[in-house]
PDB file of N, CA and C in Angstrom:
ATOM      1  N   UNK A   1      -2.637 -12.417 -14.859  1.00  0.00           N
ATOM      2  CA  UNK A   1      -3.343 -11.380 -14.142  1.00  0.00           C
ATOM      3  C   UNK A   1      -4.620 -11.933 -13.502  1.00  0.00           C
ATOM      4  N   UNK A   2      -5.288 -12.830 -14.247  1.00  0.00           N
ATOM      5  CA  UNK A   2      -6.500 -13.444 -13.714  1.00  0.00           C
ATOM      6  C   UNK A   2      -6.175 -14.279 -12.471  1.00  0.00           C
ATOM      7  N   UNK A   3      -5.044 -14.977 -12.521  1.00  0.00           N
ATOM      8  CA  UNK A   3      -4.626 -15.801 -11.388  1.00  0.00           C
ATOM      9  C   UNK A   3      -4.336 -14.933 -10.165  1.00  0.00           C
ATOM     10  N   UNK A   4      -3.727 -13.762 -10.389  1.00  0.00           N
ATOM     11  CA  UNK A   4      -3.422 -12.852  -9.286  1.00  0.00           C
ATOM     12  C   UNK A   4      -4.700 -12.401  -8.582  1.00  0.00           C
ATOM     13  N   UNK A   5      -5.708 -11.991  -9.375  1.00  0.00           N
ATOM     14  CA  UNK A   5      -6.961 -11.537  -8.767  1.00  0.00           C
ATOM     15  C   UNK A   5      -7.709 -12.690  -8.104  1.00  0.00           C
ATOM     16  N   UNK A   6      -7.600 -13.876  -8.659  1.00  0.00           N
ATOM     17  CA  UNK A   6      -8.217 -15.036  -8.026  1.00  0.00           C
ATOM     18  C   UNK A   6      -7.574 -15.297  -6.669  1.00  0.00           C
ATOM     19  N   UNK A   7      -6.260 -15.231  -6.610  1.00  0.00           N
ATOM     20  CA  UNK A   7      -5.555 -15.435  -5.342  1.00  0.00           C
ATOM     21  C   UNK A   7      -5.811 -14.293  -4.374  1.00  0.00           C
ATOM     22  N   UNK A   8      -5.940 -13.065  -4.884  1.00  0.00           N
ATOM     23  CA  UNK A   8      -6.138 -11.897  -4.034  1.00  0.00           C
ATOM     24  C   UNK A   8      -7.423 -12.001  -3.231  1.00  0.00           C
ATOM     25  N   UNK A   9      -8.485 -12.518  -3.862  1.00  0.00           N
ATOM     26  CA  UNK A   9      -9.775 -12.607  -3.192  1.00  0.00           C
ATOM     27  C   UNK A   9     -10.031 -13.966  -2.549  1.00  0.00           C
ATOM     28  N   UNK A  10      -9.044 -14.842  -2.580  1.00  0.00           N
ATOM     29  CA  UNK A  10      -9.153 -16.135  -1.924  1.00  0.00           C
ATOM     30  C   UNK A  10      -8.897 -15.958  -0.433  1.00  0.00           C
ATOM     31  N   UNK A  11      -9.602 -16.714   0.391  1.00  0.00           N
ATOM     32  CA  UNK A  11      -9.422 -16.604   1.842  1.00  0.00           C
ATOM     33  C   UNK A  11      -8.067 -17.134   2.296  1.00  0.00           C
ATOM     34  N   UNK A  12      -7.553 -18.134   1.627  1.00  0.00           N
ATOM     35  CA  UNK A  12      -6.271 -18.731   1.998  1.00  0.00           C
ATOM     36  C   UNK A  12      -5.213 -18.326   0.975  1.00  0.00           C
ATOM     37  N   UNK A  13      -4.738 -17.097   1.066  1.00  0.00           N
ATOM     38  CA  UNK A  13      -3.745 -16.627   0.101  1.00  0.00           C
ATOM     39  C   UNK A  13      -2.489 -16.154   0.819  1.00  0.00           C
ATOM     40  N   UNK A  14      -1.451 -15.943   0.042  1.00  0.00           N
ATOM     41  CA  UNK A  14      -0.201 -15.436   0.603  1.00  0.00           C
ATOM     42  C   UNK A  14       0.031 -13.982   0.224  1.00  0.00           C
ATOM     43  N   UNK A  15      -0.942 -13.367  -0.436  1.00  0.00           N
ATOM     44  CA  UNK A  15      -0.815 -11.970  -0.865  1.00  0.00           C
ATOM     45  C   UNK A  15      -1.271 -11.067   0.272  1.00  0.00           C
ATOM     46  N   UNK A  16      -0.471 -10.051   0.574  1.00  0.00           N
ATOM     47  CA  UNK A  16      -0.828  -9.083   1.600  1.00  0.00           C
ATOM     48  C   UNK A  16      -1.672  -7.983   0.949  1.00  0.00           C
ATOM     49  N   UNK A  17      -2.960  -7.978   1.246  1.00  0.00           N
ATOM     50  CA  UNK A  17      -3.882  -7.046   0.607  1.00  0.00           C
ATOM     51  C   UNK A  17      -3.569  -5.597   0.970  1.00  0.00           C
ATOM     52  N   UNK A  18      -3.093  -5.374   2.198  1.00  0.00           N
ATOM     53  CA  UNK A  18      -2.747  -4.007   2.616  1.00  0.00           C
ATOM     54  C   UNK A  18      -1.620  -3.455   1.751  1.00  0.00           C
ATOM     55  N   UNK A  19      -0.675  -4.282   1.418  1.00  0.00           N
ATOM     56  CA  UNK A  19       0.433  -3.839   0.570  1.00  0.00           C
ATOM     57  C   UNK A  19      -0.030  -3.550  -0.854  1.00  0.00           C
ATOM     58  N   UNK A  20      -0.965  -4.339  -1.354  1.00  0.00           N
ATOM     59  CA  UNK A  20      -1.492  -4.106  -2.700  1.00  0.00           C
ATOM     60  C   UNK A  20      -2.203  -2.753  -2.757  1.00  0.00           C
ATOM     61  N   UNK A  21      -3.050  -2.476  -1.783  1.00  0.00           N
ATOM     62  CA  UNK A  21      -3.762  -1.197  -1.736  1.00  0.00           C
ATOM     63  C   UNK A  21      -2.770  -0.045  -1.579  1.00  0.00           C
ATOM     64  N   UNK A  22      -1.784  -0.212  -0.716  1.00  0.00           N
ATOM     65  CA  UNK A  22      -0.775   0.823  -0.525  1.00  0.00           C
ATOM     66  C   UNK A  22       0.029   1.080  -1.785  1.00  0.00           C
ATOM     67  N   UNK A  23       0.366   0.031  -2.509  1.00  0.00           N
ATOM     68  CA  UNK A  23       1.139   0.189  -3.734  1.00  0.00           C
ATOM     69  C   UNK A  23       0.324   0.911  -4.803  1.00  0.00           C
ATOM     70  N   UNK A  24      -0.953   0.578  -4.930  1.00  0.00           N
ATOM     71  CA  UNK A  24      -1.807   1.252  -5.910  1.00  0.00           C
ATOM     72  C   UNK A  24      -1.945   2.738  -5.559  1.00  0.00           C
ATOM     73  N   UNK A  25      -2.143   3.047  -4.282  1.00  0.00           N
ATOM     74  CA  UNK A  25      -2.242   4.451  -3.869  1.00  0.00           C
ATOM     75  C   UNK A  25      -0.922   5.175  -4.097  1.00  0.00           C
ATOM     76  N   UNK A  26       0.204   4.483  -3.880  1.00  0.00           N
ATOM     77  CA  UNK A  26       1.511   5.089  -4.133  1.00  0.00           C
ATOM     78  C   UNK A  26       1.693   5.405  -5.613  1.00  0.00           C
ATOM     79  N   UNK A  27       1.283   4.503  -6.482  1.00  0.00           N
ATOM     80  CA  UNK A  27       1.362   4.732  -7.929  1.00  0.00           C
ATOM     81  C   UNK A  27       0.506   5.943  -8.313  1.00  0.00           C
ATOM     82  N   UNK A  28      -0.682   6.056  -7.718  1.00  0.00           N
ATOM     83  CA  UNK A  28      -1.547   7.206  -8.009  1.00  0.00           C
ATOM     84  C   UNK A  28      -0.892   8.510  -7.567  1.00  0.00           C
ATOM     85  N   UNK A  29      -0.214   8.505  -6.429  1.00  0.00           N
ATOM     86  CA  UNK A  29       0.505   9.701  -5.975  1.00  0.00           C
ATOM     87  C   UNK A  29       1.647  10.047  -6.928  1.00  0.00           C
ATOM     88  N   UNK A  30       2.348   9.041  -7.415  1.00  0.00           N
ATOM     89  CA  UNK A  30       3.435   9.285  -8.368  1.00  0.00           C
ATOM     90  C   UNK A  30       2.907   9.862  -9.675  1.00  0.00           C
ATOM     91  N   UNK A  31       1.781   9.347 -10.138  1.00  0.00           N
ATOM     92  CA  UNK A  31       1.177   9.878 -11.362  1.00  0.00           C
ATOM     93  C   UNK A  31       0.761  11.324 -11.161  1.00  0.00           C
ATOM     94  N   UNK A  32       0.148  11.632 -10.016  1.00  0.00           N
ATOM     95  CA  UNK A  32      -0.256  13.014  -9.736  1.00  0.00           C
ATOM     96  C   UNK A  32       0.964  13.922  -9.684  1.00  0.00           C
ATOM     97  N   UNK A  33       2.059  13.446  -9.099  1.00  0.00           N
ATOM     98  CA  UNK A  33       3.282  14.240  -9.031  1.00  0.00           C
ATOM     99  C   UNK A  33       3.845  14.509 -10.428  1.00  0.00           C
ATOM    100  N   UNK A  34       3.893  13.476 -11.265  1.00  0.00           N
ATOM    101  CA  UNK A  34       4.414  13.649 -12.622  1.00  0.00           C
ATOM    102  C   UNK A  34       3.549  14.591 -13.454  1.00  0.00           C
ATOM    103  N   UNK A  35       2.240  14.468 -13.325  1.00  0.00           N
ATOM    104  CA  UNK A  35       1.339  15.366 -14.054  1.00  0.00           C
ATOM    105  C   UNK A  35       1.523  16.802 -13.565  1.00  0.00           C
ATOM    106  N   UNK A  36       1.697  16.977 -12.263  1.00  0.00           N
ATOM    107  CA  UNK A  36       1.930  18.313 -11.711  1.00  0.00           C
ATOM    108  C   UNK A  36       3.227  18.911 -12.247  1.00  0.00           C
ATOM    109  N   UNK A  37       4.283  18.117 -12.318  1.00  0.00           N
ATOM    110  CA  UNK A  37       5.566  18.595 -12.830  1.00  0.00           C
ATOM    111  C   UNK A  37       5.452  18.943 -14.320  1.00  0.00           C
ATOM    112  N   UNK A  38       4.805  18.084 -15.088  1.00  0.00           N
ATOM    113  CA  UNK A  38       4.660  18.332 -16.527  1.00  0.00           C
ATOM    114  C   UNK A  38       3.800  19.561 -16.805  1.00  0.00           C
ATOM    115  N   UNK A  39       2.687  19.709 -16.101  1.00  0.00           N
ATOM    116  CA  UNK A  39       1.847  20.886 -16.331  1.00  0.00           C
ATOM    117  C   UNK A  39       2.553  22.155 -15.867  1.00  0.00           C
ATOM    118  N   UNK A  40       3.345  22.071 -14.810  1.00  0.00           N
ATOM    119  CA  UNK A  40       4.128  23.229 -14.373  1.00  0.00           C
ATOM    120  C   UNK A  40       5.184  23.607 -15.394  1.00  0.00           C
ATOM    121  N   UNK A  41       5.760  22.617 -16.029  1.00  0.00           N
ATOM    122  CA  UNK A  41       6.774  22.873 -17.055  1.00  0.00           C
ATOM    123  C   UNK A  41       6.161  23.605 -18.251  1.00  0.00           C
ATOM    124  N   UNK A  42       4.923  23.255 -18.585  1.00  0.00           N
ATOM    125  CA  UNK A  42       4.253  23.898 -19.714  1.00  0.00           C
ATOM    126  C   UNK A  42       3.520  25.173 -19.308  1.00  0.00           C
ATOM    127  N   UNK A  43       3.686  25.616 -18.080  1.00  0.00           N
ATOM    128  CA  UNK A  43       3.142  26.897 -17.636  1.00  0.00           C
ATOM    129  C   UNK A  43       1.690  26.872 -17.209  1.00  0.00           C
ATOM    130  N   UNK A  44       1.154  25.702 -16.948  1.00  0.00           N
ATOM    131  CA  UNK A  44      -0.236  25.601 -16.504  1.00  0.00           C
ATOM    132  C   UNK A  44      -0.256  25.084 -15.078  1.00  0.00           C
ATOM    133  N   UNK A  45      -1.332  25.387 -14.380  1.00  0.00           N
ATOM    134  CA  UNK A  45      -1.458  24.941 -12.995  1.00  0.00           C
ATOM    135  C   UNK A  45      -2.283  23.658 -12.950  1.00  0.00           C
ATOM    136  N   UNK A  46      -1.775  22.674 -12.246  1.00  0.00           N
ATOM    137  CA  UNK A  46      -2.494  21.408 -12.056  1.00  0.00           C
ATOM    138  C   UNK A  46      -3.215  21.501 -10.723  1.00  0.00           C
ATOM    139  N   UNK A  47      -4.526  21.550 -10.774  1.00  0.00           N
ATOM    140  CA  UNK A  47      -5.316  21.704  -9.557  1.00  0.00           C
ATOM    141  C   UNK A  47      -5.819  20.332  -9.135  1.00  0.00           C
ATOM    142  N   UNK A  48      -5.423  19.931  -7.939  1.00  0.00           N
ATOM    143  CA  UNK A  48      -5.921  18.682  -7.363  1.00  0.00           C
ATOM    144  C   UNK A  48      -6.494  19.017  -5.993  1.00  0.00           C
ATOM    145  N   UNK A  49      -7.612  18.451  -5.700  1.00  0.00           N
ATOM    146  CA  UNK A  49      -8.262  18.697  -4.425  1.00  0.00           C
ATOM    147  C   UNK A  49      -7.371  18.181  -3.292  1.00  0.00           C
ATOM    148  N   UNK A  50      -7.138  19.019  -2.311  1.00  0.00           N
ATOM    149  CA  UNK A  50      -6.265  18.656  -1.187  1.00  0.00           C
ATOM    150  C   UNK A  50      -6.790  17.410  -0.468  1.00  0.00           C
ATOM    151  N   UNK A  51      -8.096  17.297  -0.369  1.00  0.00           N
ATOM    152  CA  UNK A  51      -8.701  16.149   0.306  1.00  0.00           C
ATOM    153  C   UNK A  51      -8.370  14.843  -0.420  1.00  0.00           C
ATOM    154  N   UNK A  52      -8.398  14.866  -1.739  1.00  0.00           N
ATOM    155  CA  UNK A  52      -8.091  13.665  -2.526  1.00  0.00           C
ATOM    156  C   UNK A  52      -6.623  13.291  -2.349  1.00  0.00           C
ATOM    157  N   UNK A  53      -5.731  14.275  -2.470  1.00  0.00           N
ATOM    158  CA  UNK A  53      -4.301  14.007  -2.321  1.00  0.00           C
ATOM    159  C   UNK A  53      -3.984  13.483  -0.923  1.00  0.00           C
ATOM    160  N   UNK A  54      -4.533  14.135   0.094  1.00  0.00           N
ATOM    161  CA  UNK A  54      -4.294  13.689   1.475  1.00  0.00           C
ATOM    162  C   UNK A  54      -4.869  12.299   1.717  1.00  0.00           C
ATOM    163  N   UNK A  55      -5.985  11.992   1.069  1.00  0.00           N
ATOM    164  CA  UNK A  55      -6.577  10.666   1.210  1.00  0.00           C
ATOM    165  C   UNK A  55      -5.659   9.578   0.669  1.00  0.00           C
ATOM    166  N   UNK A  56      -5.090   9.819  -0.526  1.00  0.00           N
ATOM    167  CA  UNK A  56      -4.144   8.849  -1.078  1.00  0.00           C
ATOM    168  C   UNK A  56      -2.898   8.745  -0.204  1.00  0.00           C
ATOM    169  N   UNK A  57      -2.434   9.875   0.333  1.00  0.00           N
ATOM    170  CA  UNK A  57      -1.248   9.860   1.177  1.00  0.00           C
ATOM    171  C   UNK A  57      -1.496   9.048   2.454  1.00  0.00           C
ATOM    172  N   UNK A  58      -2.658   9.232   3.059  1.00  0.00           N
ATOM    173  CA  UNK A  58      -2.998   8.476   4.268  1.00  0.00           C
ATOM    174  C   UNK A  58      -3.123   6.988   3.950  1.00  0.00           C
ATOM    175  N   UNK A  59      -3.694   6.662   2.784  1.00  0.00           N
ATOM    176  CA  UNK A  59      -3.781   5.249   2.380  1.00  0.00           C
ATOM    177  C   UNK A  59      -2.405   4.617   2.251  1.00  0.00           C
ATOM    178  N   UNK A  60      -1.473   5.334   1.631  1.00  0.00           N
ATOM    179  CA  UNK A  60      -0.119   4.804   1.461  1.00  0.00           C
ATOM    180  C   UNK A  60       0.551   4.615   2.810  1.00  0.00           C
ATOM    181  N   UNK A  61       0.550   5.650   3.613  1.00  0.00           N
ATOM    182  CA  UNK A  61       1.219   5.554   4.921  1.00  0.00           C
ATOM    183  C   UNK A  61       0.546   4.526   5.819  1.00  0.00           C
ATOM    184  N   UNK A  62      -0.767   4.499   5.801  1.00  0.00           N
ATOM    185  CA  UNK A  62      -1.489   3.535   6.631  1.00  0.00           C
ATOM    186  C   UNK A  62      -1.270   2.106   6.181  1.00  0.00           C
ATOM    187  N   UNK A  63      -1.338   1.880   4.893  1.00  0.00           N
ATOM    188  CA  UNK A  63      -1.178   0.516   4.374  1.00  0.00           C
ATOM    189  C   UNK A  63       0.208  -0.032   4.652  1.00  0.00           C
ATOM    190  N   UNK A  64       1.226   0.744   4.310  1.00  0.00           N
ATOM    191  CA  UNK A  64       2.588   0.264   4.535  1.00  0.00           C
ATOM    192  C   UNK A  64       2.936   0.241   6.010  1.00  0.00           C
ATOM    193  N   UNK A  65       2.410   1.171   6.774  1.00  0.00           N
ATOM    194  CA  UNK A  65       2.667   1.180   8.216  1.00  0.00           C
ATOM    195  C   UNK A  65       2.030  -0.009   8.903  1.00  0.00           C
ATOM    196  N   UNK A  66       0.780  -0.288   8.566  1.00  0.00           N
ATOM    197  CA  UNK A  66       0.077  -1.425   9.163  1.00  0.00           C
ATOM    198  C   UNK A  66       0.735  -2.731   8.743  1.00  0.00           C
ATOM    199  N   UNK A  67       1.133  -2.826   7.478  1.00  0.00           N
ATOM    200  CA  UNK A  67       1.796  -4.048   7.003  1.00  0.00           C
ATOM    201  C   UNK A  67       3.120  -4.259   7.734  1.00  0.00           C
ATOM    202  N   UNK A  68       3.863  -3.181   7.973  1.00  0.00           N
ATOM    203  CA  UNK A  68       5.138  -3.304   8.686  1.00  0.00           C
ATOM    204  C   UNK A  68       4.930  -3.716  10.129  1.00  0.00           C
ATOM    205  N   UNK A  69       3.963  -3.103  10.784  1.00  0.00           N
ATOM    206  CA  UNK A  69       3.677  -3.453  12.179  1.00  0.00           C
ATOM    207  C   UNK A  69       3.185  -4.896  12.259  1.00  0.00           C
ATOM    208  N   UNK A  70       2.366  -5.296  11.300  1.00  0.00           N
ATOM    209  CA  UNK A  70       1.851  -6.665  11.271  1.00  0.00           C
ATOM    210  C   UNK A  70       2.992  -7.669  11.137  1.00  0.00           C
ATOM    211  N   UNK A  71       3.951  -7.393  10.263  1.00  0.00           N
ATOM    212  CA  UNK A  71       5.111  -8.277  10.121  1.00  0.00           C
ATOM    213  C   UNK A  71       5.917  -8.317  11.410  1.00  0.00           C
ATOM    214  N   UNK A  72       6.110  -7.184  12.038  1.00  0.00           N
ATOM    215  CA  UNK A  72       6.911  -7.104  13.257  1.00  0.00           C
ATOM    216  C   UNK A  72       6.243  -7.865  14.391  1.00  0.00           C
ATOM    217  N   UNK A  73       4.926  -7.707  14.532  1.00  0.00           N
ATOM    218  CA  UNK A  73       4.200  -8.401  15.604  1.00  0.00           C
ATOM    219  C   UNK A  73       4.223  -9.909  15.369  1.00  0.00           C
ATOM    220  N   UNK A  74       3.975 -10.336  14.128  1.00  0.00           N
ATOM    221  CA  UNK A  74       3.972 -11.780  13.841  1.00  0.00           C
ATOM    222  C   UNK A  74       5.361 -12.378  13.976  1.00  0.00           C
ATOM    223  N   UNK A  75       6.397 -11.600  13.749  1.00  0.00           N
ATOM    224  CA  UNK A  75       7.763 -12.099  13.889  1.00  0.00           C
ATOM    225  C   UNK A  75       8.117 -12.294  15.361  1.00  0.00           C
ATOM    226  N   UNK A  76       7.579 -11.444  16.233  1.00  0.00           N
ATOM    227  CA  UNK A  76       7.890 -11.519  17.660  1.00  0.00           C
ATOM    228  C   UNK A  76       7.168 -12.668  18.367  1.00  0.00           C
ATOM    229  N   UNK A  77       6.014 -13.098  17.849  1.00  0.00           N
ATOM    230  CA  UNK A  77       5.253 -14.162  18.489  1.00  0.00           C
ATOM    231  C   UNK A  77       5.968 -15.495  18.307  1.00  0.00           C
ATOM    232  N   UNK A  78       6.185 -16.234  19.365  1.00  0.00           N
ATOM    233  CA  UNK A  78       6.788 -17.564  19.193  1.00  0.00           C
ATOM    234  C   UNK A  78       5.768 -18.522  18.590  1.00  0.00           C
ATOM    235  N   UNK A  79       6.227 -19.368  17.719  1.00  0.00           N
ATOM    236  CA  UNK A  79       5.336 -20.353  17.109  1.00  0.00           C
ATOM    237  C   UNK A  79       5.115 -21.503  18.087  1.00  0.00           C
ATOM    238  N   UNK A  80       4.178 -22.365  17.762  1.00  0.00           N
ATOM    239  CA  UNK A  80       3.883 -23.517  18.623  1.00  0.00           C
ATOM    240  C   UNK A  80       5.088 -24.442  18.738  1.00  0.00           C
ATOM    241  N   UNK A  81       5.857 -24.588  17.650  1.00  0.00           N
ATOM    242  CA  UNK A  81       7.040 -25.442  17.684  1.00  0.00           C
ATOM    243  C   UNK A  81       8.097 -24.876  18.622  1.00  0.00           C
ATOM    244  N   UNK A  82       8.265 -23.552  18.604  1.00  0.00           N
ATOM    245  CA  UNK A  82       9.247 -22.935  19.488  1.00  0.00           C
ATOM    246  C   UNK A  82       8.825 -23.066  20.939  1.00  0.00           C
ATOM    247  N   UNK A  83       7.532 -22.983  21.212  1.00  0.00           N
ATOM    248  CA  UNK A  83       7.031 -23.153  22.579  1.00  0.00           C
ATOM    249  C   UNK A  83       7.303 -24.556  23.089  1.00  0.00           C
ATOM    250  N   UNK A  84       7.104 -25.562  22.212  1.00  0.00           N
ATOM    251  CA  UNK A  84       7.317 -26.950  22.615  1.00  0.00           C
ATOM    252  C   UNK A  84       8.786 -27.250  22.827  1.00  0.00           C
ATOM    253  N   UNK A  85       9.671 -26.588  22.037  1.00  0.00           N
ATOM    254  CA  UNK A  85      11.103 -26.821  22.197  1.00  0.00           C
ATOM    255  C   UNK A  85      11.627 -26.212  23.489  1.00  0.00           C
ATOM    256  N   UNK A  86      11.102 -25.042  23.859  1.00  0.00           N
ATOM    257  CA  UNK A  86      11.602 -24.309  25.022  1.00  0.00           C
ATOM    258  C   UNK A  86      10.928 -24.723  26.259  1.00  0.00           C
TER     259      UNK A  86
END
């Protein structure tokens, strides 16, 4: 775990930070959903601020969306080797 955090904050890493943030926000949304289902099952209301929930949702969609677009854009760019071959 220490190695992961060391690599995460390193300038020359292979970890996509946007995906890490998106995954953490997704886990938080799943936890909120499970707590809501469990409290509903026991007859209590789980109150979560709409702003907080929407914030996590935007983080998830933004992080994964930006990461996907970033992969797509970098895949479309020809590398220097491809330029020299063509």
